[in-house]
Amino acid sequence: MNQQHQPSKDTAESENLRIGSQIRDLRKAKGITLIAMAEKIKRSVGYVSQVERGVSSLPIPVLQAISEVLGVQISWFFHTDQHPPLDERNHIVRHDARRSLNFSGTGIREELLSPRLSGQLQMILTSFSPGAGSRESRERKGEEAGFIQSGSLELGIGNKVFQLKAGDSFSLTGDEPHWVLNSSSDEDAVVIWTLAGASY
């Protein structure tokens, strides 16, 4: 199995704490109670509290729901310890300076390939561990496309399911419910996404 993109346990735990504290701080700054947050994302108060303390898994659909309640895009949670030189800041992303986001307990890691969080175009590299992903449909506002860099992926669009392999690509409009899943038992899947006008 390719471990290139998989974070260590300590890294994942510190990432959970960072994202959880960001959620808590932003929720409090906006005057949203734990109870109100739990009701809006259709989860228990205990679960939201565990997410904020960094001790519970945080799948993409849940982080997306939390982001909507907090009025931010998921990309707001991307993080890097590296700061690019001023002349590169709006144009270049170095391999070791990508902003990243680990989705605790899901086997999914995303890295922002675009130099800016704002703008009409974003590129994201997503690594799916074996079995990672979900057949639960989601929608994004705006067009998006993907390129399978390595491994294989199941893609569901509406009621159709497609088997994609390395080198395949796909495109989605903003009004198509879709899902992705790495159904392999021993190989990571790596996908490069391009989002045009999509809120992420």
C-alpha atoms as a PDB file:
ATOM      1  CA  MET A   1       0.000   0.000   0.000  1.00  0.00           C
ATOM      2  CA  ASN A   2       1.238   3.460  -0.820  1.00  0.00           C
ATOM      3  CA  GLN A   3       1.860   5.368   2.427  1.00  0.00           C
ATOM      4  CA  GLN A   4       3.222   8.487   0.754  1.00  0.00           C
ATOM      5  CA  HIS A   5       0.289  10.731   1.621  1.00  0.00           C
ATOM      6  CA  GLN A   6      -0.828   9.093   4.881  1.00  0.00           C
ATOM      7  CA  PRO A   7      -0.121  11.171   8.000  1.00  0.00           C
ATOM      8  CA  SER A   8       1.343   9.648  11.163  1.00  0.00           C
ATOM      9  CA  LYS A   9      -0.964   9.080  14.120  1.00  0.00           C
ATOM     10  CA  ASP A  10       0.544  12.051  15.988  1.00  0.00           C
ATOM     11  CA  THR A  11       0.120  14.286  12.926  1.00  0.00           C
ATOM     12  CA  ALA A  12      -3.500  13.209  12.500  1.00  0.00           C
ATOM     13  CA  GLU A  13      -4.230  13.846  16.185  1.00  0.00           C
ATOM     14  CA  SER A  14      -2.696  17.331  16.098  1.00  0.00           C
ATOM     15  CA  GLU A  15      -4.657  18.039  12.900  1.00  0.00           C
ATOM     16  CA  ASN A  16      -7.882  16.955  14.642  1.00  0.00           C
ATOM     17  CA  LEU A  17      -7.109  19.298  17.545  1.00  0.00           C
ATOM     18  CA  ARG A  18      -6.330  22.191  15.183  1.00  0.00           C
ATOM     19  CA  ILE A  19      -9.521  21.803  13.146  1.00  0.00           C
ATOM     20  CA  GLY A  20     -11.626  21.199  16.261  1.00  0.00           C
ATOM     21  CA  SER A  21     -10.344  24.330  17.974  1.00  0.00           C
ATOM     22  CA  GLN A  22     -10.928  26.368  14.799  1.00  0.00           C
ATOM     23  CA  ILE A  23     -14.531  25.132  14.687  1.00  0.00           C
ATOM     24  CA  ARG A  24     -15.046  25.912  18.382  1.00  0.00           C
ATOM     25  CA  ASP A  25     -13.482  29.382  18.162  1.00  0.00           C
ATOM     26  CA  LEU A  26     -15.452  30.326  15.048  1.00  0.00           C
ATOM     27  CA  ARG A  27     -18.690  28.923  16.487  1.00  0.00           C
ATOM     28  CA  LYS A  28     -18.254  30.967  19.671  1.00  0.00           C
ATOM     29  CA  ALA A  29     -17.265  34.085  17.728  1.00  0.00           C
ATOM     30  CA  LYS A  30     -20.505  33.807  15.763  1.00  0.00           C
ATOM     31  CA  GLY A  31     -22.563  33.215  18.919  1.00  0.00           C
ATOM     32  CA  ILE A  32     -23.724  29.734  17.886  1.00  0.00           C
ATOM     33  CA  THR A  33     -24.373  27.322  20.764  1.00  0.00           C
ATOM     34  CA  LEU A  34     -23.346  23.663  20.738  1.00  0.00           C
ATOM     35  CA  ILE A  35     -27.024  22.730  20.776  1.00  0.00           C
ATOM     36  CA  ALA A  36     -27.802  24.951  17.767  1.00  0.00           C
ATOM     37  CA  MET A  37     -24.809  23.577  15.845  1.00  0.00           C
ATOM     38  CA  ALA A  38     -25.834  19.976  16.597  1.00  0.00           C
ATOM     39  CA  GLU A  39     -29.418  20.622  15.465  1.00  0.00           C
ATOM     40  CA  LYS A  40     -28.322  22.280  12.217  1.00  0.00           C
ATOM     41  CA  ILE A  41     -25.947  19.476  11.207  1.00  0.00           C
ATOM     42  CA  LYS A  42     -28.313  16.753  12.514  1.00  0.00           C
ATOM     43  CA  ARG A  43     -25.809  15.295  14.985  1.00  0.00           C
ATOM     44  CA  SER A  44     -25.737  14.957  18.773  1.00  0.00           C
ATOM     45  CA  VAL A  45     -24.349  17.646  21.065  1.00  0.00           C
ATOM     46  CA  GLY A  46     -21.876  15.062  22.368  1.00  0.00           C
ATOM     47  CA  TYR A  47     -20.577  14.402  18.859  1.00  0.00           C
ATOM     48  CA  VAL A  48     -20.068  18.123  18.116  1.00  0.00           C
ATOM     49  CA  SER A  49     -18.264  18.500  21.444  1.00  0.00           C
ATOM     50  CA  GLN A  50     -15.978  15.558  20.583  1.00  0.00           C
ATOM     51  CA  VAL A  51     -15.217  17.078  17.159  1.00  0.00           C
ATOM     52  CA  GLU A  52     -14.286  20.383  18.807  1.00  0.00           C
ATOM     53  CA  ARG A  53     -11.981  18.530  21.223  1.00  0.00           C
ATOM     54  CA  GLY A  54     -10.375  16.643  18.324  1.00  0.00           C
ATOM     55  CA  VAL A  55     -11.401  13.180  19.551  1.00  0.00           C
ATOM     56  CA  SER A  56     -14.049  12.209  16.994  1.00  0.00           C
ATOM     57  CA  SER A  57     -13.843  11.470  13.270  1.00  0.00           C
ATOM     58  CA  LEU A  58     -14.899  14.243  10.913  1.00  0.00           C
ATOM     59  CA  PRO A  59     -16.093  12.993   7.490  1.00  0.00           C
ATOM     60  CA  ILE A  60     -16.208  15.440   4.572  1.00  0.00           C
ATOM     61  CA  PRO A  61     -20.045  15.780   4.505  1.00  0.00           C
ATOM     62  CA  VAL A  62     -20.039  16.679   8.223  1.00  0.00           C
ATOM     63  CA  LEU A  63     -17.252  19.265   7.829  1.00  0.00           C
ATOM     64  CA  GLN A  64     -19.151  20.644   4.830  1.00  0.00           C
ATOM     65  CA  ALA A  65     -22.316  20.978   6.950  1.00  0.00           C
ATOM     66  CA  ILE A  66     -20.360  22.628   9.788  1.00  0.00           C
ATOM     67  CA  SER A  67     -18.736  25.024   7.302  1.00  0.00           C
ATOM     68  CA  GLU A  68     -22.150  26.059   5.978  1.00  0.00           C
ATOM     69  CA  VAL A  69     -23.419  26.755   9.506  1.00  0.00           C
ATOM     70  CA  LEU A  70     -20.283  28.799  10.264  1.00  0.00           C
ATOM     71  CA  GLY A  71     -20.473  30.669   6.951  1.00  0.00           C
ATOM     72  CA  VAL A  72     -17.060  29.575   5.648  1.00  0.00           C
ATOM     73  CA  GLN A  73     -15.836  27.244   2.911  1.00  0.00           C
ATOM     74  CA  ILE A  74     -14.100  23.960   3.785  1.00  0.00           C
ATOM     75  CA  SER A  75     -10.930  25.466   2.310  1.00  0.00           C
ATOM     76  CA  TRP A  76     -10.875  27.843   5.311  1.00  0.00           C
ATOM     77  CA  PHE A  77      -9.575  24.870   7.362  1.00  0.00           C
ATOM     78  CA  PHE A  78      -6.613  24.073   5.086  1.00  0.00           C
ATOM     79  CA  HIS A  79      -3.302  24.562   6.892  1.00  0.00           C
ATOM     80  CA  THR A  80       0.422  24.816   6.233  1.00  0.00           C
ATOM     81  CA  ASP A  81       3.443  25.554   8.411  1.00  0.00           C
ATOM     82  CA  GLN A  82       5.311  26.931   5.402  1.00  0.00           C
ATOM     83  CA  HIS A  83       5.067  30.516   4.172  1.00  0.00           C
ATOM     84  CA  PRO A  84       6.015  31.129   0.520  1.00  0.00           C
ATOM     85  CA  PRO A  85       8.223  34.007  -0.606  1.00  0.00           C
ATOM     86  CA  LEU A  86       6.238  37.146  -1.407  1.00  0.00           C
ATOM     87  CA  ASP A  87       6.929  36.950  -5.156  1.00  0.00           C
ATOM     88  CA  GLU A  88       5.545  33.359  -5.263  1.00  0.00           C
ATOM     89  CA  ARG A  89       2.548  33.802  -2.961  1.00  0.00           C
ATOM     90  CA  ASN A  90      -0.164  34.262  -5.624  1.00  0.00           C
ATOM     91  CA  HIS A  91       1.358  32.058  -8.319  1.00  0.00           C
ATOM     92  CA  ILE A  92       3.420  29.093  -7.044  1.00  0.00           C
ATOM     93  CA  VAL A  93       2.771  26.230  -4.618  1.00  0.00           C
ATOM     94  CA  ARG A  94       5.883  24.259  -3.694  1.00  0.00           C
ATOM     95  CA  HIS A  95       5.467  20.526  -3.005  1.00  0.00           C
ATOM     96  CA  ASP A  96       6.561  20.827   0.636  1.00  0.00           C
ATOM     97  CA  ALA A  97       4.450  23.933   1.298  1.00  0.00           C
ATOM     98  CA  ARG A  98       0.973  22.735   0.319  1.00  0.00           C
ATOM     99  CA  ARG A  99      -1.927  23.553   2.606  1.00  0.00           C
ATOM    100  CA  SER A 100      -3.441  20.273   3.741  1.00  0.00           C
ATOM    101  CA  LEU A 101      -6.485  18.911   5.507  1.00  0.00           C
ATOM    102  CA  ASN A 102      -6.759  15.425   7.029  1.00  0.00           C
ATOM    103  CA  PHE A 103     -10.280  14.111   7.543  1.00  0.00           C
ATOM    104  CA  SER A 104      -9.922  12.239  10.819  1.00  0.00           C
ATOM    105  CA  GLY A 105     -10.953   8.602  10.785  1.00  0.00           C
ATOM    106  CA  THR A 106     -11.941   8.631   7.106  1.00  0.00           C
ATOM    107  CA  GLY A 107      -8.696   7.711   5.311  1.00  0.00           C
ATOM    108  CA  ILE A 108      -8.930  10.884   3.212  1.00  0.00           C
ATOM    109  CA  ARG A 109      -6.285  13.606   2.978  1.00  0.00           C
ATOM    110  CA  GLU A 110      -6.578  16.695   0.786  1.00  0.00           C
ATOM    111  CA  GLU A 111      -3.845  19.104  -0.301  1.00  0.00           C
ATOM    112  CA  LEU A 112      -4.522  22.485  -1.865  1.00  0.00           C
ATOM    113  CA  LEU A 113      -2.565  22.806  -5.110  1.00  0.00           C
ATOM    114  CA  SER A 114      -3.826  26.333  -5.791  1.00  0.00           C
ATOM    115  CA  PRO A 115      -1.885  29.280  -4.355  1.00  0.00           C
ATOM    116  CA  ARG A 116      -5.056  31.094  -3.196  1.00  0.00           C
ATOM    117  CA  LEU A 117      -8.194  30.078  -1.327  1.00  0.00           C
ATOM    118  CA  SER A 118     -10.149  32.765  -3.142  1.00  0.00           C
ATOM    119  CA  GLY A 119     -10.761  33.023  -6.861  1.00  0.00           C
ATOM    120  CA  GLN A 120     -12.830  31.116  -9.389  1.00  0.00           C
ATOM    121  CA  LEU A 121     -10.410  28.204  -9.887  1.00  0.00           C
ATOM    122  CA  GLN A 122      -9.066  25.761  -7.316  1.00  0.00           C
ATOM    123  CA  MET A 123      -6.992  22.579  -7.625  1.00  0.00           C
ATOM    124  CA  ILE A 124      -6.978  19.938  -4.901  1.00  0.00           C
ATOM    125  CA  LEU A 125      -5.095  16.651  -4.581  1.00  0.00           C
ATOM    126  CA  THR A 126      -7.066  14.023  -2.672  1.00  0.00           C
ATOM    127  CA  SER A 127      -5.610  10.747  -1.369  1.00  0.00           C
ATOM    128  CA  PHE A 128      -8.064   7.953  -0.522  1.00  0.00           C
ATOM    129  CA  SER A 129      -6.838   5.017   1.583  1.00  0.00           C
ATOM    130  CA  PRO A 130      -8.255   1.595   0.660  1.00  0.00           C
ATOM    131  CA  GLY A 131     -11.976   1.625   1.439  1.00  0.00           C
ATOM    132  CA  ALA A 132     -12.069   5.402   1.946  1.00  0.00           C
ATOM    133  CA  GLY A 133     -14.876   7.488   0.539  1.00  0.00           C
ATOM    134  CA  SER A 134     -18.617   7.017   0.664  1.00  0.00           C
ATOM    135  CA  ARG A 135     -21.600   6.118  -1.472  1.00  0.00           C
ATOM    136  CA  GLU A 136     -23.466   8.990   0.219  1.00  0.00           C
ATOM    137  CA  SER A 137     -24.278  11.576  -2.456  1.00  0.00           C
ATOM    138  CA  ARG A 138     -23.133  15.178  -2.202  1.00  0.00           C
ATOM    139  CA  GLU A 139     -23.369  18.280  -4.382  1.00  0.00           C
ATOM    140  CA  ARG A 140     -21.079  21.244  -4.873  1.00  0.00           C
ATOM    141  CA  LYS A 141     -22.121  24.522  -6.415  1.00  0.00           C
ATOM    142  CA  GLY A 142     -20.129  24.982  -9.597  1.00  0.00           C
ATOM    143  CA  GLU A 143     -18.356  22.724 -12.061  1.00  0.00           C
ATOM    144  CA  GLU A 144     -15.617  20.311 -11.060  1.00  0.00           C
ATOM    145  CA  ALA A 145     -13.431  17.762 -12.791  1.00  0.00           C
ATOM    146  CA  GLY A 146     -11.036  15.072 -11.659  1.00  0.00           C
ATOM    147  CA  PHE A 147      -8.020  13.131 -12.940  1.00  0.00           C
ATOM    148  CA  ILE A 148      -7.107   9.750 -11.426  1.00  0.00           C
ATOM    149  CA  GLN A 149      -3.361  10.044 -10.885  1.00  0.00           C
ATOM    150  CA  SER A 150      -2.978   6.571  -9.350  1.00  0.00           C
ATOM    151  CA  GLY A 151      -5.098   3.701  -8.103  1.00  0.00           C
ATOM    152  CA  SER A 152      -8.768   3.269  -8.974  1.00  0.00           C
ATOM    153  CA  LEU A 153     -12.018   4.889  -7.914  1.00  0.00           C
ATOM    154  CA  GLU A 154     -15.755   4.257  -8.063  1.00  0.00           C
ATOM    155  CA  LEU A 155     -17.701   7.321  -9.143  1.00  0.00           C
ATOM    156  CA  GLY A 156     -21.452   7.529  -8.730  1.00  0.00           C
ATOM    157  CA  ILE A 157     -23.387  10.158 -10.684  1.00  0.00           C
ATOM    158  CA  GLY A 158     -27.122  10.060 -10.089  1.00  0.00           C
ATOM    159  CA  ASN A 159     -28.040   6.363 -10.378  1.00  0.00           C
ATOM    160  CA  LYS A 160     -25.038   5.412 -12.534  1.00  0.00           C
ATOM    161  CA  VAL A 161     -21.755   3.971 -11.233  1.00  0.00           C
ATOM    162  CA  PHE A 162     -18.452   4.208 -13.122  1.00  0.00           C
ATOM    163  CA  GLN A 163     -15.181   2.341 -12.468  1.00  0.00           C
ATOM    164  CA  LEU A 164     -12.228   4.686 -13.062  1.00  0.00           C
ATOM    165  CA  LYS A 165      -8.541   3.764 -13.298  1.00  0.00           C
ATOM    166  CA  ALA A 166      -5.262   5.700 -13.316  1.00  0.00           C
ATOM    167  CA  GLY A 167      -5.197   8.039 -16.313  1.00  0.00           C
ATOM    168  CA  ASP A 168      -9.013   8.401 -16.500  1.00  0.00           C
ATOM    169  CA  SER A 169     -10.679  11.759 -15.956  1.00  0.00           C
ATOM    170  CA  PHE A 170     -14.221  12.984 -15.380  1.00  0.00           C
ATOM    171  CA  SER A 171     -16.296  16.160 -15.200  1.00  0.00           C
ATOM    172  CA  LEU A 172     -19.336  17.133 -13.121  1.00  0.00           C
ATOM    173  CA  THR A 173     -21.795  19.997 -13.325  1.00  0.00           C
ATOM    174  CA  GLY A 174     -22.900  21.763 -10.170  1.00  0.00           C
ATOM    175  CA  ASP A 175     -26.365  20.182 -10.156  1.00  0.00           C
ATOM    176  CA  GLU A 176     -25.397  16.492 -10.183  1.00  0.00           C
ATOM    177  CA  PRO A 177     -25.438  14.536  -6.903  1.00  0.00           C
ATOM    178  CA  HIS A 178     -22.344  12.342  -6.879  1.00  0.00           C
ATOM    179  CA  TRP A 179     -20.130  10.197  -4.658  1.00  0.00           C
ATOM    180  CA  VAL A 180     -16.627   8.696  -4.779  1.00  0.00           C
ATOM    181  CA  LEU A 181     -15.189   5.566  -3.166  1.00  0.00           C
ATOM    182  CA  ASN A 182     -11.847   3.755  -3.275  1.00  0.00           C
ATOM    183  CA  SER A 183     -13.119   0.164  -3.281  1.00  0.00           C
ATOM    184  CA  SER A 184      -9.595  -1.304  -3.467  1.00  0.00           C
ATOM    185  CA  SER A 185      -8.505  -3.385  -0.476  1.00  0.00           C
ATOM    186  CA  ASP A 186      -4.795  -2.646  -0.806  1.00  0.00           C
ATOM    187  CA  GLU A 187      -4.082   0.432  -2.943  1.00  0.00           C
ATOM    188  CA  ASP A 188      -4.449   4.164  -2.354  1.00  0.00           C
ATOM    189  CA  ALA A 189      -6.290   6.239  -4.941  1.00  0.00           C
ATOM    190  CA  VAL A 190      -4.967   9.720  -5.716  1.00  0.00           C
ATOM    191  CA  VAL A 191      -7.192  12.207  -7.535  1.00  0.00           C
ATOM    192  CA  ILE A 192      -6.427  15.722  -8.777  1.00  0.00           C
ATOM    193  CA  TRP A 193      -9.578  17.864  -8.703  1.00  0.00           C
ATOM    194  CA  THR A 194     -10.214  21.135 -10.492  1.00  0.00           C
ATOM    195  CA  LEU A 195     -13.083  23.256  -9.194  1.00  0.00           C
ATOM    196  CA  ALA A 196     -14.352  26.137 -11.294  1.00  0.00           C
ATOM    197  CA  GLY A 197     -16.618  28.463  -9.362  1.00  0.00           C
ATOM    198  CA  ALA A 198     -17.382  25.691  -6.866  1.00  0.00           C
ATOM    199  CA  SER A 199     -17.637  26.484  -3.188  1.00  0.00           C
ATOM    200  CA  TYR A 200     -15.276  24.226  -1.266  1.00  0.00           C
END
